[in-house]
Amino acid sequence: MSTLLIVDDERPVSKLLGKIIEKEGFRVVEAGTGKECLDLYRESQPDIALIDIVMPDKDGISTIKELKSLNHQAKIIAMSGGLVFTPQAYLDEATEVGADFVFSKPIDNKLPMSAIKDLL
């Protein structure tokens, strides 16, 4: 069974994604911060990490960079709702630092699953 790590400081978002992904037969591990993400990544060795870009303690860009330094083959999907700027600016940067796929919030339920299946 493949494991996915969902990293988002907004619990409703991570819960929704988790339910969608679990229904498809995957194991889900959740983190609410970038630091938690790095700890859980080391522990659970997930197949894919879905990482929010805008988080309070360690942003997703820094988190992606650190994950890639831990494992340059890490499979990463980045997501962002934006804030002041458009989400696309954050997502472009996420791609530059190693994200395999990116998508904007709010989430189209089919989009994460198609990216996940492409990466596995």
N, C-alpha and C. Protein backbone atom coordinates (compact mmCIF):
# COMPACT_ATOMS: atom_id res chain seq x y z
N MET A 1 0.85 -1.18 0.00
CA MET A 1 0.00 0.00 0.00
C MET A 1 0.89 1.24 0.00
N SER A 2 0.64 2.15 -0.92
CA SER A 2 1.41 3.40 -1.00
C SER A 2 0.99 4.35 0.10
N THR A 3 1.97 5.13 0.58
CA THR A 3 1.73 6.10 1.64
C THR A 3 1.90 7.52 1.09
N LEU A 4 0.96 8.39 1.45
CA LEU A 4 1.05 9.79 1.08
C LEU A 4 1.09 10.64 2.32
N LEU A 5 1.95 11.62 2.31
CA LEU A 5 2.08 12.58 3.40
C LEU A 5 1.43 13.88 2.96
N ILE A 6 0.41 14.32 3.69
CA ILE A 6 -0.28 15.57 3.40
C ILE A 6 0.19 16.60 4.41
N VAL A 7 0.67 17.75 3.92
CA VAL A 7 1.19 18.80 4.79
C VAL A 7 0.40 20.07 4.54
N ASP A 8 -0.41 20.46 5.52
CA ASP A 8 -1.21 21.68 5.40
C ASP A 8 -1.58 22.15 6.78
N ASP A 9 -1.43 23.44 7.04
CA ASP A 9 -1.77 23.98 8.35
C ASP A 9 -3.28 24.18 8.51
N GLU A 10 -4.04 24.03 7.43
CA GLU A 10 -5.49 24.12 7.49
C GLU A 10 -6.07 22.71 7.60
N ARG A 11 -6.46 22.31 8.80
CA ARG A 11 -6.94 20.95 9.04
C ARG A 11 -8.08 20.52 8.13
N PRO A 12 -9.06 21.40 7.84
CA PRO A 12 -10.14 20.96 6.95
C PRO A 12 -9.62 20.55 5.56
N VAL A 13 -8.61 21.24 5.07
CA VAL A 13 -8.05 20.90 3.77
C VAL A 13 -7.36 19.54 3.82
N SER A 14 -6.53 19.34 4.84
CA SER A 14 -5.81 18.06 4.92
C SER A 14 -6.78 16.90 5.17
N LYS A 15 -7.83 17.13 5.94
CA LYS A 15 -8.83 16.08 6.19
C LYS A 15 -9.57 15.72 4.90
N LEU A 16 -9.97 16.73 4.13
CA LEU A 16 -10.67 16.49 2.86
C LEU A 16 -9.77 15.70 1.91
N LEU A 17 -8.54 16.16 1.73
CA LEU A 17 -7.60 15.44 0.86
C LEU A 17 -7.37 14.02 1.36
N GLY A 18 -7.21 13.88 2.67
CA GLY A 18 -6.99 12.56 3.25
C GLY A 18 -8.11 11.60 2.94
N LYS A 19 -9.35 12.06 3.07
CA LYS A 19 -10.51 11.21 2.78
C LYS A 19 -10.55 10.79 1.32
N ILE A 20 -10.28 11.75 0.43
CA ILE A 20 -10.28 11.45 -1.01
C ILE A 20 -9.23 10.40 -1.32
N ILE A 21 -8.04 10.58 -0.77
CA ILE A 21 -6.91 9.70 -1.06
C ILE A 21 -7.10 8.32 -0.43
N GLU A 22 -7.60 8.28 0.80
CA GLU A 22 -7.85 6.99 1.46
C GLU A 22 -8.89 6.16 0.71
N LYS A 23 -9.92 6.83 0.15
CA LYS A 23 -10.95 6.11 -0.61
C LYS A 23 -10.35 5.40 -1.82
N GLU A 24 -9.23 5.90 -2.29
CA GLU A 24 -8.55 5.30 -3.45
C GLU A 24 -7.59 4.18 -3.03
N GLY A 25 -7.55 3.88 -1.72
CA GLY A 25 -6.77 2.75 -1.25
C GLY A 25 -5.35 3.08 -0.78
N PHE A 26 -5.09 4.35 -0.52
CA PHE A 26 -3.76 4.75 -0.05
C PHE A 26 -3.76 4.97 1.46
N ARG A 27 -2.61 4.81 2.06
CA ARG A 27 -2.42 5.16 3.47
C ARG A 27 -2.04 6.64 3.52
N VAL A 28 -2.60 7.37 4.49
CA VAL A 28 -2.36 8.81 4.60
C VAL A 28 -1.74 9.13 5.95
N VAL A 29 -0.72 9.98 5.92
CA VAL A 29 -0.09 10.53 7.11
C VAL A 29 -0.21 12.04 6.98
N GLU A 30 -0.57 12.73 8.08
CA GLU A 30 -0.79 14.17 8.00
C GLU A 30 0.16 14.94 8.89
N ALA A 31 0.61 16.08 8.38
CA ALA A 31 1.45 17.01 9.14
C ALA A 31 0.83 18.40 8.99
N GLY A 32 0.95 19.20 10.05
CA GLY A 32 0.38 20.54 10.03
C GLY A 32 1.41 21.64 9.83
N THR A 33 2.70 21.27 9.83
CA THR A 33 3.76 22.26 9.68
C THR A 33 4.89 21.68 8.83
N GLY A 34 5.75 22.56 8.36
CA GLY A 34 6.91 22.12 7.60
C GLY A 34 7.85 21.26 8.43
N LYS A 35 8.05 21.63 9.68
CA LYS A 35 8.93 20.86 10.56
C LYS A 35 8.36 19.46 10.78
N GLU A 36 7.06 19.40 11.08
CA GLU A 36 6.39 18.09 11.24
C GLU A 36 6.54 17.25 9.98
N CYS A 37 6.43 17.90 8.83
CA CYS A 37 6.57 17.21 7.54
C CYS A 37 7.92 16.51 7.47
N LEU A 38 8.98 17.22 7.79
CA LEU A 38 10.33 16.64 7.69
C LEU A 38 10.48 15.47 8.65
N ASP A 39 9.96 15.61 9.87
CA ASP A 39 10.03 14.52 10.85
C ASP A 39 9.25 13.29 10.36
N LEU A 40 8.01 13.52 9.90
CA LEU A 40 7.17 12.41 9.43
C LEU A 40 7.71 11.79 8.14
N TYR A 41 8.35 12.60 7.31
CA TYR A 41 8.93 12.06 6.08
C TYR A 41 10.03 11.05 6.42
N ARG A 42 10.86 11.43 7.38
CA ARG A 42 11.93 10.51 7.81
C ARG A 42 11.34 9.23 8.41
N GLU A 43 10.30 9.39 9.22
CA GLU A 43 9.67 8.25 9.90
C GLU A 43 8.91 7.32 8.97
N SER A 44 8.03 7.90 8.17
CA SER A 44 7.09 7.07 7.40
C SER A 44 7.55 6.79 5.97
N GLN A 45 8.57 7.49 5.48
CA GLN A 45 9.08 7.25 4.12
C GLN A 45 7.93 7.17 3.10
N PRO A 46 7.14 8.25 2.99
CA PRO A 46 5.99 8.20 2.09
C PRO A 46 6.42 8.13 0.63
N ASP A 47 5.51 7.63 -0.19
CA ASP A 47 5.76 7.56 -1.63
C ASP A 47 5.64 8.93 -2.28
N ILE A 48 4.74 9.75 -1.74
CA ILE A 48 4.51 11.11 -2.27
C ILE A 48 4.19 12.04 -1.10
N ALA A 49 4.66 13.28 -1.20
CA ALA A 49 4.30 14.31 -0.23
C ALA A 49 3.49 15.40 -0.95
N LEU A 50 2.33 15.74 -0.40
CA LEU A 50 1.51 16.85 -0.89
C LEU A 50 1.72 17.99 0.08
N ILE A 51 2.30 19.09 -0.39
CA ILE A 51 2.75 20.15 0.51
C ILE A 51 2.10 21.48 0.17
N ASP A 52 1.48 22.09 1.17
CA ASP A 52 0.96 23.45 1.04
C ASP A 52 2.16 24.40 1.02
N ILE A 53 2.05 25.47 0.27
CA ILE A 53 3.15 26.42 0.17
C ILE A 53 3.13 27.44 1.31
N VAL A 54 1.96 27.97 1.62
CA VAL A 54 1.87 29.02 2.64
C VAL A 54 1.53 28.39 3.98
N MET A 55 2.55 28.33 4.86
CA MET A 55 2.38 27.80 6.22
C MET A 55 3.13 28.72 7.18
N PRO A 56 2.72 28.77 8.43
CA PRO A 56 3.29 29.73 9.37
C PRO A 56 4.72 29.47 9.83
N ASP A 57 5.11 28.25 10.10
CA ASP A 57 6.43 28.04 10.71
C ASP A 57 7.55 27.88 9.69
N LYS A 58 7.29 27.12 8.66
CA LYS A 58 8.27 26.88 7.60
C LYS A 58 7.46 26.75 6.32
N ASP A 59 7.70 27.67 5.40
CA ASP A 59 6.88 27.64 4.19
C ASP A 59 7.17 26.40 3.35
N GLY A 60 6.27 26.14 2.43
CA GLY A 60 6.38 24.95 1.60
C GLY A 60 7.60 24.93 0.70
N ILE A 61 8.04 26.10 0.24
CA ILE A 61 9.23 26.16 -0.62
C ILE A 61 10.45 25.66 0.15
N SER A 62 10.64 26.16 1.36
CA SER A 62 11.76 25.70 2.20
C SER A 62 11.63 24.21 2.51
N THR A 63 10.41 23.78 2.77
CA THR A 63 10.17 22.37 3.08
C THR A 63 10.51 21.48 1.89
N ILE A 64 10.10 21.90 0.70
CA ILE A 64 10.41 21.13 -0.52
C ILE A 64 11.92 21.05 -0.71
N LYS A 65 12.60 22.16 -0.54
CA LYS A 65 14.07 22.17 -0.69
C LYS A 65 14.72 21.18 0.28
N GLU A 66 14.26 21.18 1.53
CA GLU A 66 14.84 20.26 2.53
C GLU A 66 14.52 18.80 2.21
N LEU A 67 13.29 18.55 1.75
CA LEU A 67 12.94 17.17 1.37
C LEU A 67 13.82 16.70 0.22
N LYS A 68 14.02 17.56 -0.75
CA LYS A 68 14.87 17.20 -1.89
C LYS A 68 16.32 16.97 -1.46
N SER A 69 16.77 17.68 -0.42
CA SER A 69 18.14 17.44 0.06
C SER A 69 18.22 16.11 0.82
N LEU A 70 17.12 15.71 1.47
CA LEU A 70 17.07 14.41 2.14
C LEU A 70 17.01 13.28 1.12
N ASN A 71 16.21 13.50 0.10
CA ASN A 71 16.00 12.48 -0.94
C ASN A 71 15.74 13.19 -2.26
N HIS A 72 16.75 13.25 -3.11
CA HIS A 72 16.60 14.01 -4.36
C HIS A 72 15.55 13.39 -5.29
N GLN A 73 15.13 12.16 -5.00
CA GLN A 73 14.08 11.51 -5.80
C GLN A 73 12.70 11.62 -5.16
N ALA A 74 12.58 12.41 -4.09
CA ALA A 74 11.28 12.56 -3.43
C ALA A 74 10.25 13.05 -4.44
N LYS A 75 9.07 12.46 -4.38
CA LYS A 75 7.97 12.85 -5.26
C LYS A 75 7.09 13.83 -4.49
N ILE A 76 6.93 15.01 -5.07
CA ILE A 76 6.26 16.10 -4.35
C ILE A 76 5.19 16.76 -5.22
N ILE A 77 4.04 16.98 -4.60
CA ILE A 77 2.96 17.75 -5.20
C ILE A 77 2.77 18.98 -4.31
N ALA A 78 2.86 20.17 -4.90
CA ALA A 78 2.69 21.41 -4.14
C ALA A 78 1.31 22.00 -4.41
N MET A 79 0.75 22.64 -3.38
CA MET A 79 -0.56 23.28 -3.53
C MET A 79 -0.55 24.63 -2.83
N SER A 80 -1.31 25.57 -3.38
CA SER A 80 -1.36 26.90 -2.77
C SER A 80 -2.66 27.60 -3.09
N GLY A 81 -3.13 28.33 -2.08
CA GLY A 81 -4.31 29.18 -2.27
C GLY A 81 -3.91 30.62 -2.49
N GLY A 82 -2.64 30.94 -2.30
CA GLY A 82 -2.17 32.26 -2.63
C GLY A 82 -1.85 33.16 -1.48
N LEU A 83 -2.75 33.84 -0.92
CA LEU A 83 -2.62 34.93 0.05
C LEU A 83 -2.70 36.22 -0.74
N VAL A 84 -1.72 37.10 -0.56
CA VAL A 84 -1.75 38.41 -1.22
C VAL A 84 -1.49 38.27 -2.72
N PHE A 85 -0.57 37.38 -3.07
CA PHE A 85 -0.20 37.20 -4.47
C PHE A 85 -1.04 36.09 -5.08
N THR A 86 -0.92 35.91 -6.36
CA THR A 86 -1.64 34.82 -7.00
C THR A 86 -0.97 33.51 -6.64
N PRO A 87 -1.73 32.46 -6.51
CA PRO A 87 -1.12 31.16 -6.17
C PRO A 87 -0.08 30.73 -7.20
N GLN A 88 -0.26 31.15 -8.46
CA GLN A 88 0.64 30.69 -9.52
C GLN A 88 2.09 31.11 -9.26
N ALA A 89 2.31 32.28 -8.68
CA ALA A 89 3.69 32.71 -8.38
C ALA A 89 4.35 31.73 -7.41
N TYR A 90 3.62 31.31 -6.38
CA TYR A 90 4.15 30.32 -5.43
C TYR A 90 4.36 28.97 -6.11
N LEU A 91 3.41 28.59 -6.94
CA LEU A 91 3.49 27.28 -7.58
C LEU A 91 4.63 27.21 -8.59
N ASP A 92 4.88 28.31 -9.28
CA ASP A 92 6.02 28.35 -10.20
C ASP A 92 7.33 28.16 -9.44
N GLU A 93 7.43 28.81 -8.29
CA GLU A 93 8.64 28.66 -7.48
C GLU A 93 8.77 27.22 -6.96
N ALA A 94 7.64 26.63 -6.58
CA ALA A 94 7.66 25.24 -6.10
C ALA A 94 8.19 24.31 -7.19
N THR A 95 7.78 24.53 -8.42
CA THR A 95 8.27 23.72 -9.54
C THR A 95 9.78 23.91 -9.71
N GLU A 96 10.24 25.15 -9.57
CA GLU A 96 11.67 25.44 -9.71
C GLU A 96 12.52 24.70 -8.68
N VAL A 97 11.98 24.52 -7.47
CA VAL A 97 12.77 23.86 -6.41
C VAL A 97 12.53 22.36 -6.33
N GLY A 98 11.68 21.81 -7.21
CA GLY A 98 11.59 20.36 -7.26
C GLY A 98 10.22 19.71 -7.19
N ALA A 99 9.14 20.48 -7.09
CA ALA A 99 7.81 19.86 -7.08
C ALA A 99 7.53 19.22 -8.44
N ASP A 100 6.96 18.03 -8.42
CA ASP A 100 6.64 17.32 -9.65
C ASP A 100 5.34 17.81 -10.28
N PHE A 101 4.37 18.14 -9.43
CA PHE A 101 3.09 18.67 -9.86
C PHE A 101 2.71 19.81 -8.93
N VAL A 102 1.90 20.74 -9.42
CA VAL A 102 1.40 21.84 -8.60
C VAL A 102 -0.08 22.05 -8.92
N PHE A 103 -0.83 22.51 -7.91
CA PHE A 103 -2.21 22.89 -8.16
C PHE A 103 -2.67 23.93 -7.16
N SER A 104 -3.68 24.70 -7.59
CA SER A 104 -4.23 25.79 -6.78
C SER A 104 -5.40 25.30 -5.95
N LYS A 105 -5.54 25.92 -4.79
CA LYS A 105 -6.73 25.71 -3.97
C LYS A 105 -7.75 26.75 -4.41
N PRO A 106 -9.04 26.54 -4.32
CA PRO A 106 -9.67 25.31 -3.86
C PRO A 106 -9.38 24.16 -4.82
N ILE A 107 -9.46 22.97 -4.28
CA ILE A 107 -9.01 21.78 -4.96
C ILE A 107 -10.13 21.13 -5.75
N ASP A 108 -9.83 20.78 -6.98
CA ASP A 108 -10.72 19.94 -7.77
C ASP A 108 -10.40 18.51 -7.33
N ASN A 109 -11.35 17.80 -6.79
CA ASN A 109 -11.12 16.47 -6.21
C ASN A 109 -10.40 15.50 -7.14
N LYS A 110 -10.58 15.62 -8.44
CA LYS A 110 -9.95 14.69 -9.37
C LYS A 110 -8.49 15.02 -9.61
N LEU A 111 -8.13 16.28 -9.49
CA LEU A 111 -6.76 16.71 -9.81
C LEU A 111 -5.69 16.04 -8.96
N PRO A 112 -5.81 16.04 -7.62
CA PRO A 112 -4.75 15.38 -6.84
C PRO A 112 -4.61 13.90 -7.17
N MET A 113 -5.72 13.21 -7.41
CA MET A 113 -5.63 11.77 -7.68
C MET A 113 -4.95 11.50 -9.02
N SER A 114 -5.21 12.33 -10.02
CA SER A 114 -4.55 12.08 -11.31
C SER A 114 -3.05 12.34 -11.18
N ALA A 115 -2.65 13.34 -10.42
CA ALA A 115 -1.20 13.62 -10.21
C ALA A 115 -0.58 12.48 -9.42
N ILE A 116 -1.26 12.00 -8.39
CA ILE A 116 -0.75 10.91 -7.56
C ILE A 116 -0.53 9.66 -8.41
N LYS A 117 -1.52 9.33 -9.21
CA LYS A 117 -1.41 8.13 -10.05
C LYS A 117 -0.30 8.27 -11.08
N ASP A 118 -0.09 9.48 -11.60
CA ASP A 118 1.00 9.70 -12.55
C ASP A 118 2.37 9.51 -11.91
N LEU A 119 2.49 9.86 -10.62
CA LEU A 119 3.77 9.75 -9.94
C LEU A 119 4.11 8.33 -9.48
N LEU A 120 3.09 7.51 -9.30
CA LEU A 120 3.34 6.14 -8.80
C LEU A 120 3.65 5.15 -9.89
